[in-house]
Amino acid sequence: MQDYRMPARAEYFKAKGYWKGDTIVDYLSRIAEQFPDKVGIVDPYARLTWKEVENKSQALALHLPPYYRFPA
C-alpha cells in the first residue's frame, strides 16, 4: 500500500511530476498577479477579484496563531 503521509506523499508526487512544490499561496499569488481584476470567487453574496481574494487571505493569515503560519 502506498504511503501518502507527508513528507513521503510530497516526494511521491514530486517524483511523478504531478507537483513541483508550490503551495496554494504560490498559486494564488501568481493568479492575482496575472489576473488582478478578473473575478475569481462568486457566491450569492459577493464577487471578488483575484487581487481581493489574495488580500483577504493575507489578512486572514495575520490572525492565525504563529504555529499555523509558514515562513514568508
C-alpha atoms as a PDB file:
ATOM      1  CA  MET A   1       0.000   0.000   0.000  1.00  0.00           C
ATOM      2  CA  GLN A   2       1.252   3.480  -0.903  1.00  0.00           C
ATOM      3  CA  ASP A   3       2.297   5.739   1.999  1.00  0.00           C
ATOM      4  CA  TYR A   4       0.537   9.070   1.471  1.00  0.00           C
ATOM      5  CA  ARG A   5       1.708  10.806   4.657  1.00  0.00           C
ATOM      6  CA  MET A   6       3.845  13.936   4.489  1.00  0.00           C
ATOM      7  CA  PRO A   7       6.686  14.206   3.513  1.00  0.00           C
ATOM      8  CA  ALA A   8       6.510  10.839   1.762  1.00  0.00           C
ATOM      9  CA  ARG A   9       3.390  11.970  -0.082  1.00  0.00           C
ATOM     10  CA  ALA A  10       5.060  15.168  -1.258  1.00  0.00           C
ATOM     11  CA  GLU A  11       8.101  13.271  -2.507  1.00  0.00           C
ATOM     12  CA  TYR A  12       5.889  10.759  -4.318  1.00  0.00           C
ATOM     13  CA  PHE A  13       4.006  13.481  -6.206  1.00  0.00           C
ATOM     14  CA  LYS A  14       7.210  15.388  -6.963  1.00  0.00           C
ATOM     15  CA  ALA A  15       8.879  12.242  -8.329  1.00  0.00           C
ATOM     16  CA  LYS A  16       5.880  11.566 -10.578  1.00  0.00           C
ATOM     17  CA  GLY A  17       5.949  15.158 -11.835  1.00  0.00           C
ATOM     18  CA  TYR A  18       2.449  15.894 -10.526  1.00  0.00           C
ATOM     19  CA  TRP A  19       3.624  18.615  -8.146  1.00  0.00           C
ATOM     20  CA  LYS A  20       6.582  20.970  -8.243  1.00  0.00           C
ATOM     21  CA  GLY A  21       6.442  22.026  -4.597  1.00  0.00           C
ATOM     22  CA  ASP A  22       4.311  25.141  -4.987  1.00  0.00           C
ATOM     23  CA  THR A  23       1.901  25.977  -2.193  1.00  0.00           C
ATOM     24  CA  ILE A  24      -1.635  27.277  -2.542  1.00  0.00           C
ATOM     25  CA  VAL A  25      -0.221  30.677  -1.574  1.00  0.00           C
ATOM     26  CA  ASP A  26       2.202  30.470  -4.517  1.00  0.00           C
ATOM     27  CA  TYR A  27      -0.635  29.664  -6.916  1.00  0.00           C
ATOM     28  CA  LEU A  28      -2.879  32.403  -5.564  1.00  0.00           C
ATOM     29  CA  SER A  29      -0.086  34.987  -5.750  1.00  0.00           C
ATOM     30  CA  ARG A  30       0.602  34.099  -9.386  1.00  0.00           C
ATOM     31  CA  ILE A  31      -3.064  34.247 -10.342  1.00  0.00           C
ATOM     32  CA  ALA A  32      -3.554  37.557  -8.509  1.00  0.00           C
ATOM     33  CA  GLU A  33      -0.529  38.990 -10.309  1.00  0.00           C
ATOM     34  CA  GLN A  34      -1.612  37.763 -13.756  1.00  0.00           C
ATOM     35  CA  PHE A  35      -5.341  38.481 -13.419  1.00  0.00           C
ATOM     36  CA  PRO A  36      -5.798  41.034 -10.614  1.00  0.00           C
ATOM     37  CA  ASP A  37      -9.097  42.434 -11.898  1.00  0.00           C
ATOM     38  CA  LYS A  38     -10.717  39.198 -13.071  1.00  0.00           C
ATOM     39  CA  VAL A  39     -13.456  37.778 -10.898  1.00  0.00           C
ATOM     40  CA  GLY A  40     -12.101  34.804  -9.004  1.00  0.00           C
ATOM     41  CA  ILE A  41     -14.827  33.948  -6.500  1.00  0.00           C
ATOM     42  CA  VAL A  42     -18.575  34.230  -6.921  1.00  0.00           C
ATOM     43  CA  ASP A  43     -21.229  33.311  -4.410  1.00  0.00           C
ATOM     44  CA  PRO A  44     -24.765  34.563  -3.764  1.00  0.00           C
ATOM     45  CA  TYR A  45     -23.459  37.377  -1.546  1.00  0.00           C
ATOM     46  CA  ALA A  46     -20.239  38.613  -3.151  1.00  0.00           C
ATOM     47  CA  ARG A  47     -17.963  38.679  -6.156  1.00  0.00           C
ATOM     48  CA  LEU A  48     -14.244  39.012  -5.506  1.00  0.00           C
ATOM     49  CA  THR A  49     -11.422  39.648  -7.936  1.00  0.00           C
ATOM     50  CA  TRP A  50      -8.282  37.557  -7.640  1.00  0.00           C
ATOM     51  CA  LYS A  51      -6.482  40.507  -6.037  1.00  0.00           C
ATOM     52  CA  GLU A  52      -9.263  40.847  -3.460  1.00  0.00           C
ATOM     53  CA  VAL A  53      -9.057  37.118  -2.726  1.00  0.00           C
ATOM     54  CA  GLU A  54      -5.304  37.429  -2.197  1.00  0.00           C
ATOM     55  CA  ASN A  55      -5.703  40.476   0.057  1.00  0.00           C
ATOM     56  CA  LYS A  56      -8.405  38.819   2.156  1.00  0.00           C
ATOM     57  CA  SER A  57      -6.399  35.610   2.509  1.00  0.00           C
ATOM     58  CA  GLN A  58      -3.346  37.586   3.655  1.00  0.00           C
ATOM     59  CA  ALA A  59      -5.470  39.486   6.180  1.00  0.00           C
ATOM     60  CA  LEU A  60      -6.882  36.204   7.465  1.00  0.00           C
ATOM     61  CA  ALA A  61      -3.390  34.694   7.738  1.00  0.00           C
ATOM     62  CA  LEU A  62      -2.295  37.530  10.025  1.00  0.00           C
ATOM     63  CA  HIS A  63      -4.848  36.332  12.570  1.00  0.00           C
ATOM     64  CA  LEU A  64      -3.640  32.726  12.601  1.00  0.00           C
ATOM     65  CA  PRO A  65      -1.628  31.562  15.597  1.00  0.00           C
ATOM     66  CA  PRO A  66       2.118  31.513  14.785  1.00  0.00           C
ATOM     67  CA  TYR A  67       2.290  27.704  14.687  1.00  0.00           C
ATOM     68  CA  TYR A  68      -0.088  27.708  11.681  1.00  0.00           C
ATOM     69  CA  ARG A  69       1.989  30.166   9.682  1.00  0.00           C
ATOM     70  CA  PHE A  70       4.559  29.277   7.085  1.00  0.00           C
ATOM     71  CA  PRO A  71       7.731  31.306   6.644  1.00  0.00           C
ATOM     72  CA  ALA A  72       7.309  34.164   4.175  1.00  0.00           C
END
